Amino acid sequence: MSETVLAEGQKKVFTARETAFIAVMSALMAVCSWISIPASVPFTLQTFAIFCALGLLGGRNGTFSVLVYILIGAVGIPVFSGFSGGISALTSYSGGYITGFIFLALVYWGAEKLFGDSIWVRVPAMIVGLAVCYAFGTAWFMHVTQTDLKYALTACVFPFIPIDLAKMVLAIVITDRVKKVVRF
């Protein structure tokens, strides 16, 4: 068995522990995407899992867990809502929102890099990241369905804002408590 020798001060891309947590959070995203909660507009817990991944793992590893989740779905494994997967899921009318999760995570990572990891950074970073995700997903929805902005916002954004904000608050509360017990 060979070992990689690193120069002094050099860090492995991911430690085994980081890789395991990235995989676990990617799996959590898949499970949460399958949970559909019936309401006037049915919703899943996908964004909740993404907020948890970012809150627990930080911007870098949280972003990679989102990327792994999307790549697993892109190759056809049914990890997206409704047990869907494949490129067809990413090019469907809701695929822009799935792709937008990457931008949500990147915004969070950038804010964390620039301003640190305090609650005063995490909350606005998640809100701005969610807005970027909505913007990307809405633009894609409009492109695929050939609808106008008013219809797209009414169908795809406005009903989900309060739900997503509630999921965000819950994720922040849970991740703050979990981080006190588990070292990530």
C-alpha atoms as a PDB file:
ATOM      1  CA  MET A   1       0.000   0.000   0.000  1.00  0.00           C
ATOM      2  CA  SER A   2       1.495   3.338  -1.003  1.00  0.00           C
ATOM      3  CA  GLU A   3       1.162   6.578   0.894  1.00  0.00           C
ATOM      4  CA  THR A   4       1.164  10.016  -0.587  1.00  0.00           C
ATOM      5  CA  VAL A   5       3.971  12.116   0.797  1.00  0.00           C
ATOM      6  CA  LEU A   6       3.106  15.793   1.050  1.00  0.00           C
ATOM      7  CA  ALA A   7       5.506  18.671   1.318  1.00  0.00           C
ATOM      8  CA  GLU A   8       5.519  20.510   4.623  1.00  0.00           C
ATOM      9  CA  GLY A   9       2.571  22.855   4.932  1.00  0.00           C
ATOM     10  CA  GLN A  10       0.679  21.106   2.135  1.00  0.00           C
ATOM     11  CA  LYS A  11      -2.783  19.760   2.930  1.00  0.00           C
ATOM     12  CA  LYS A  12      -4.583  16.803   1.380  1.00  0.00           C
ATOM     13  CA  VAL A  13      -7.482  17.895  -0.777  1.00  0.00           C
ATOM     14  CA  PHE A  14      -9.918  16.117   1.557  1.00  0.00           C
ATOM     15  CA  THR A  15      -9.239  14.110   4.674  1.00  0.00           C
ATOM     16  CA  ALA A  16     -10.976  10.765   5.069  1.00  0.00           C
ATOM     17  CA  ARG A  17     -13.218  12.346   7.712  1.00  0.00           C
ATOM     18  CA  GLU A  18     -14.186  15.217   5.393  1.00  0.00           C
ATOM     19  CA  THR A  19     -14.895  12.801   2.561  1.00  0.00           C
ATOM     20  CA  ALA A  20     -17.128  10.718   4.817  1.00  0.00           C
ATOM     21  CA  PHE A  21     -19.097  13.770   5.980  1.00  0.00           C
ATOM     22  CA  ILE A  22     -19.456  15.019   2.391  1.00  0.00           C
ATOM     23  CA  ALA A  23     -20.845  11.608   1.396  1.00  0.00           C
ATOM     24  CA  VAL A  24     -23.223  11.482   4.364  1.00  0.00           C
ATOM     25  CA  MET A  25     -24.587  14.955   3.630  1.00  0.00           C
ATOM     26  CA  SER A  26     -25.007  14.084  -0.070  1.00  0.00           C
ATOM     27  CA  ALA A  27     -27.007  11.023   0.984  1.00  0.00           C
ATOM     28  CA  LEU A  28     -29.074  13.186   3.350  1.00  0.00           C
ATOM     29  CA  MET A  29     -29.873  15.501   0.427  1.00  0.00           C
ATOM     30  CA  ALA A  30     -31.126  12.518  -1.565  1.00  0.00           C
ATOM     31  CA  VAL A  31     -33.304  11.246   1.268  1.00  0.00           C
ATOM     32  CA  CYS A  32     -34.674  14.725   1.972  1.00  0.00           C
ATOM     33  CA  SER A  33     -35.512  15.231  -1.700  1.00  0.00           C
ATOM     34  CA  TRP A  34     -37.709  12.134  -1.582  1.00  0.00           C
ATOM     35  CA  ILE A  35     -39.696  13.451   1.390  1.00  0.00           C
ATOM     36  CA  SER A  36     -42.628  15.349  -0.049  1.00  0.00           C
ATOM     37  CA  ILE A  37     -44.756  17.273   2.404  1.00  0.00           C
ATOM     38  CA  PRO A  38     -48.272  17.884   1.135  1.00  0.00           C
ATOM     39  CA  ALA A  39     -49.467  21.454   1.456  1.00  0.00           C
ATOM     40  CA  SER A  40     -51.240  23.937  -0.784  1.00  0.00           C
ATOM     41  CA  VAL A  41     -47.981  23.697  -2.744  1.00  0.00           C
ATOM     42  CA  PRO A  42     -46.183  20.406  -1.993  1.00  0.00           C
ATOM     43  CA  PHE A  43     -42.530  20.794  -1.022  1.00  0.00           C
ATOM     44  CA  THR A  44     -39.539  18.618  -0.227  1.00  0.00           C
ATOM     45  CA  LEU A  45     -36.802  18.941   2.358  1.00  0.00           C
ATOM     46  CA  GLN A  46     -34.024  19.255  -0.249  1.00  0.00           C
ATOM     47  CA  THR A  47     -33.091  22.820   0.657  1.00  0.00           C
ATOM     48  CA  PHE A  48     -33.215  21.923   4.356  1.00  0.00           C
ATOM     49  CA  ALA A  49     -30.508  19.295   3.748  1.00  0.00           C
ATOM     50  CA  ILE A  50     -28.440  21.783   1.746  1.00  0.00           C
ATOM     51  CA  PHE A  51     -28.666  24.369   4.525  1.00  0.00           C
ATOM     52  CA  CYS A  52     -27.638  21.651   7.006  1.00  0.00           C
ATOM     53  CA  ALA A  53     -24.673  20.602   4.860  1.00  0.00           C
ATOM     54  CA  LEU A  54     -23.450  24.182   4.615  1.00  0.00           C
ATOM     55  CA  GLY A  55     -24.022  24.848   8.314  1.00  0.00           C
ATOM     56  CA  LEU A  56     -22.306  21.672   9.471  1.00  0.00           C
ATOM     57  CA  LEU A  57     -19.519  21.228   6.954  1.00  0.00           C
ATOM     58  CA  GLY A  58     -18.804  24.843   6.087  1.00  0.00           C
ATOM     59  CA  GLY A  59     -18.751  26.447   2.679  1.00  0.00           C
ATOM     60  CA  ARG A  60     -16.060  24.353   1.025  1.00  0.00           C
ATOM     61  CA  ASN A  61     -17.144  20.882   2.067  1.00  0.00           C
ATOM     62  CA  GLY A  62     -20.838  21.822   1.962  1.00  0.00           C
ATOM     63  CA  THR A  63     -20.414  22.966  -1.635  1.00  0.00           C
ATOM     64  CA  PHE A  64     -18.706  19.709  -2.536  1.00  0.00           C
ATOM     65  CA  SER A  65     -21.500  17.709  -0.914  1.00  0.00           C
ATOM     66  CA  VAL A  66     -24.034  19.591  -3.080  1.00  0.00           C
ATOM     67  CA  LEU A  67     -21.889  18.958  -6.144  1.00  0.00           C
ATOM     68  CA  VAL A  68     -21.619  15.232  -5.350  1.00  0.00           C
ATOM     69  CA  TYR A  69     -25.395  15.050  -4.862  1.00  0.00           C
ATOM     70  CA  ILE A  70     -26.051  16.691  -8.235  1.00  0.00           C
ATOM     71  CA  LEU A  71     -23.445  14.577 -10.049  1.00  0.00           C
ATOM     72  CA  ILE A  72     -24.942  11.390  -8.600  1.00  0.00           C
ATOM     73  CA  GLY A  73     -28.332  12.492  -9.900  1.00  0.00           C
ATOM     74  CA  ALA A  74     -26.904  13.541 -13.256  1.00  0.00           C
ATOM     75  CA  VAL A  75     -25.586  10.041 -13.949  1.00  0.00           C
ATOM     76  CA  GLY A  76     -29.094   8.647 -13.508  1.00  0.00           C
ATOM     77  CA  ILE A  77     -29.382   7.605  -9.897  1.00  0.00           C
ATOM     78  CA  PRO A  78     -32.845   8.761  -8.743  1.00  0.00           C
ATOM     79  CA  VAL A  79     -31.793  11.152  -5.978  1.00  0.00           C
ATOM     80  CA  PHE A  80     -33.913  14.160  -6.992  1.00  0.00           C
ATOM     81  CA  SER A  81     -37.487  14.827  -5.912  1.00  0.00           C
ATOM     82  CA  GLY A  82     -40.039  12.353  -7.153  1.00  0.00           C
ATOM     83  CA  PHE A  83     -37.273   9.709  -7.352  1.00  0.00           C
ATOM     84  CA  SER A  84     -35.984  11.256 -10.567  1.00  0.00           C
ATOM     85  CA  GLY A  85     -32.462  11.381 -11.898  1.00  0.00           C
ATOM     86  CA  GLY A  86     -30.453  11.760 -15.062  1.00  0.00           C
ATOM     87  CA  ILE A  87     -29.738  14.635 -17.388  1.00  0.00           C
ATOM     88  CA  SER A  88     -33.441  14.800 -18.223  1.00  0.00           C
ATOM     89  CA  ALA A  89     -34.164  15.826 -14.617  1.00  0.00           C
ATOM     90  CA  LEU A  90     -31.567  18.597 -14.865  1.00  0.00           C
ATOM     91  CA  THR A  91     -32.967  19.848 -18.167  1.00  0.00           C
ATOM     92  CA  SER A  92     -36.599  19.678 -17.030  1.00  0.00           C
ATOM     93  CA  TYR A  93     -38.522  22.762 -15.950  1.00  0.00           C
ATOM     94  CA  SER A  94     -37.284  22.331 -12.359  1.00  0.00           C
ATOM     95  CA  GLY A  95     -33.694  21.470 -13.273  1.00  0.00           C
ATOM     96  CA  GLY A  96     -32.572  25.068 -12.972  1.00  0.00           C
ATOM     97  CA  TYR A  97     -33.419  25.034  -9.282  1.00  0.00           C
ATOM     98  CA  ILE A  98     -31.351  21.879  -8.791  1.00  0.00           C
ATOM     99  CA  THR A  99     -28.419  23.496 -10.599  1.00  0.00           C
ATOM    100  CA  GLY A 100     -29.067  26.649  -8.586  1.00  0.00           C
ATOM    101  CA  PHE A 101     -28.191  24.703  -5.423  1.00  0.00           C
ATOM    102  CA  ILE A 102     -24.559  24.901  -6.551  1.00  0.00           C
ATOM    103  CA  PHE A 103     -24.799  28.688  -6.720  1.00  0.00           C
ATOM    104  CA  LEU A 104     -26.460  28.798  -3.302  1.00  0.00           C
ATOM    105  CA  ALA A 105     -23.531  26.838  -1.883  1.00  0.00           C
ATOM    106  CA  LEU A 106     -20.923  28.940  -3.718  1.00  0.00           C
ATOM    107  CA  VAL A 107     -22.434  32.169  -2.370  1.00  0.00           C
ATOM    108  CA  TYR A 108     -22.289  30.706   1.133  1.00  0.00           C
ATOM    109  CA  TRP A 109     -18.690  29.560   0.662  1.00  0.00           C
ATOM    110  CA  GLY A 110     -17.645  32.970  -0.649  1.00  0.00           C
ATOM    111  CA  ALA A 111     -19.305  34.805   2.241  1.00  0.00           C
ATOM    112  CA  GLU A 112     -17.677  32.453   4.726  1.00  0.00           C
ATOM    113  CA  LYS A 113     -14.257  33.015   3.130  1.00  0.00           C
ATOM    114  CA  LEU A 114     -14.682  36.789   3.173  1.00  0.00           C
ATOM    115  CA  PHE A 115     -16.433  37.346   6.482  1.00  0.00           C
ATOM    116  CA  GLY A 116     -15.972  34.232   8.645  1.00  0.00           C
ATOM    117  CA  ASP A 117     -18.378  31.699  10.100  1.00  0.00           C
ATOM    118  CA  SER A 118     -20.623  33.579  12.490  1.00  0.00           C
ATOM    119  CA  ILE A 119     -24.406  33.541  12.629  1.00  0.00           C
ATOM    120  CA  TRP A 120     -24.281  37.107  11.253  1.00  0.00           C
ATOM    121  CA  VAL A 121     -22.600  35.770   8.124  1.00  0.00           C
ATOM    122  CA  ARG A 122     -24.425  32.455   7.764  1.00  0.00           C
ATOM    123  CA  VAL A 123     -27.971  33.835   7.748  1.00  0.00           C
ATOM    124  CA  PRO A 124     -27.453  36.530   5.085  1.00  0.00           C
ATOM    125  CA  ALA A 125     -25.271  34.169   3.036  1.00  0.00           C
ATOM    126  CA  MET A 126     -28.009  31.557   2.998  1.00  0.00           C
ATOM    127  CA  ILE A 127     -30.662  34.147   2.128  1.00  0.00           C
ATOM    128  CA  VAL A 128     -28.602  35.643  -0.712  1.00  0.00           C
ATOM    129  CA  GLY A 129     -27.635  32.158  -1.904  1.00  0.00           C
ATOM    130  CA  LEU A 130     -31.288  31.110  -1.923  1.00  0.00           C
ATOM    131  CA  ALA A 131     -32.190  34.236  -3.911  1.00  0.00           C
ATOM    132  CA  VAL A 132     -29.483  33.370  -6.466  1.00  0.00           C
ATOM    133  CA  CYS A 133     -30.826  29.805  -6.636  1.00  0.00           C
ATOM    134  CA  TYR A 134     -34.346  31.152  -7.189  1.00  0.00           C
ATOM    135  CA  ALA A 135     -33.084  33.529  -9.891  1.00  0.00           C
ATOM    136  CA  PHE A 136     -31.230  30.805 -11.785  1.00  0.00           C
ATOM    137  CA  GLY A 137     -34.075  28.309 -11.434  1.00  0.00           C
ATOM    138  CA  THR A 138     -36.716  30.853 -12.458  1.00  0.00           C
ATOM    139  CA  ALA A 139     -34.757  31.901 -15.537  1.00  0.00           C
ATOM    140  CA  TRP A 140     -34.417  28.240 -16.533  1.00  0.00           C
ATOM    141  CA  PHE A 141     -38.116  27.587 -15.846  1.00  0.00           C
ATOM    142  CA  MET A 142     -39.078  30.522 -18.064  1.00  0.00           C
ATOM    143  CA  HIS A 143     -36.774  29.265 -20.820  1.00  0.00           C
ATOM    144  CA  VAL A 144     -38.096  25.690 -20.758  1.00  0.00           C
ATOM    145  CA  THR A 145     -41.794  26.518 -20.361  1.00  0.00           C
ATOM    146  CA  GLN A 146     -41.801  29.715 -22.443  1.00  0.00           C
ATOM    147  CA  THR A 147     -43.674  31.593 -19.716  1.00  0.00           C
ATOM    148  CA  ASP A 148     -43.308  35.121 -18.421  1.00  0.00           C
ATOM    149  CA  LEU A 149     -41.661  36.262 -15.196  1.00  0.00           C
ATOM    150  CA  LYS A 150     -44.926  36.942 -13.374  1.00  0.00           C
ATOM    151  CA  TYR A 151     -46.176  33.390 -13.945  1.00  0.00           C
ATOM    152  CA  ALA A 152     -42.793  31.864 -13.042  1.00  0.00           C
ATOM    153  CA  LEU A 153     -42.533  33.811  -9.788  1.00  0.00           C
ATOM    154  CA  THR A 154     -46.129  33.038  -8.851  1.00  0.00           C
ATOM    155  CA  ALA A 155     -45.745  29.320  -9.563  1.00  0.00           C
ATOM    156  CA  CYS A 156     -42.170  28.645  -8.522  1.00  0.00           C
ATOM    157  CA  VAL A 157     -40.923  31.229  -6.049  1.00  0.00           C
ATOM    158  CA  PHE A 158     -43.524  33.077  -3.980  1.00  0.00           C
ATOM    159  CA  PRO A 159     -45.193  29.961  -2.515  1.00  0.00           C
ATOM    160  CA  PHE A 160     -41.816  28.574  -1.442  1.00  0.00           C
ATOM    161  CA  ILE A 161     -40.227  31.625   0.199  1.00  0.00           C
ATOM    162  CA  PRO A 162     -41.845  31.205   3.653  1.00  0.00           C
ATOM    163  CA  ILE A 163     -41.267  27.447   3.589  1.00  0.00           C
ATOM    164  CA  ASP A 164     -37.615  27.800   2.576  1.00  0.00           C
ATOM    165  CA  LEU A 165     -37.012  30.477   5.216  1.00  0.00           C
ATOM    166  CA  ALA A 166     -38.524  28.187   7.860  1.00  0.00           C
ATOM    167  CA  LYS A 167     -36.297  25.322   6.666  1.00  0.00           C
ATOM    168  CA  MET A 168     -33.313  27.668   6.848  1.00  0.00           C
ATOM    169  CA  VAL A 169     -34.056  28.719  10.432  1.00  0.00           C
ATOM    170  CA  LEU A 170     -34.602  25.101  11.478  1.00  0.00           C
ATOM    171  CA  ALA A 171     -31.348  24.033   9.799  1.00  0.00           C
ATOM    172  CA  ILE A 172     -29.393  26.798  11.526  1.00  0.00           C
ATOM    173  CA  VAL A 173     -30.807  25.893  14.942  1.00  0.00           C
ATOM    174  CA  ILE A 174     -30.132  22.189  14.428  1.00  0.00           C
ATOM    175  CA  THR A 175     -26.632  22.632  12.980  1.00  0.00           C
ATOM    176  CA  ASP A 176     -25.598  24.973  15.795  1.00  0.00           C
ATOM    177  CA  ARG A 177     -26.635  22.346  18.344  1.00  0.00           C
ATOM    178  CA  VAL A 178     -25.054  19.437  16.462  1.00  0.00           C
ATOM    179  CA  LYS A 179     -21.750  21.328  16.038  1.00  0.00           C
ATOM    180  CA  LYS A 180     -21.520  21.600  19.840  1.00  0.00           C
ATOM    181  CA  VAL A 181     -21.505  17.794  20.080  1.00  0.00           C
ATOM    182  CA  VAL A 182     -19.820  16.566  16.865  1.00  0.00           C
ATOM    183  CA  ARG A 183     -16.534  17.875  15.478  1.00  0.00           C
ATOM    184  CA  PHE A 184     -16.812  18.496  11.741  1.00  0.00           C
END
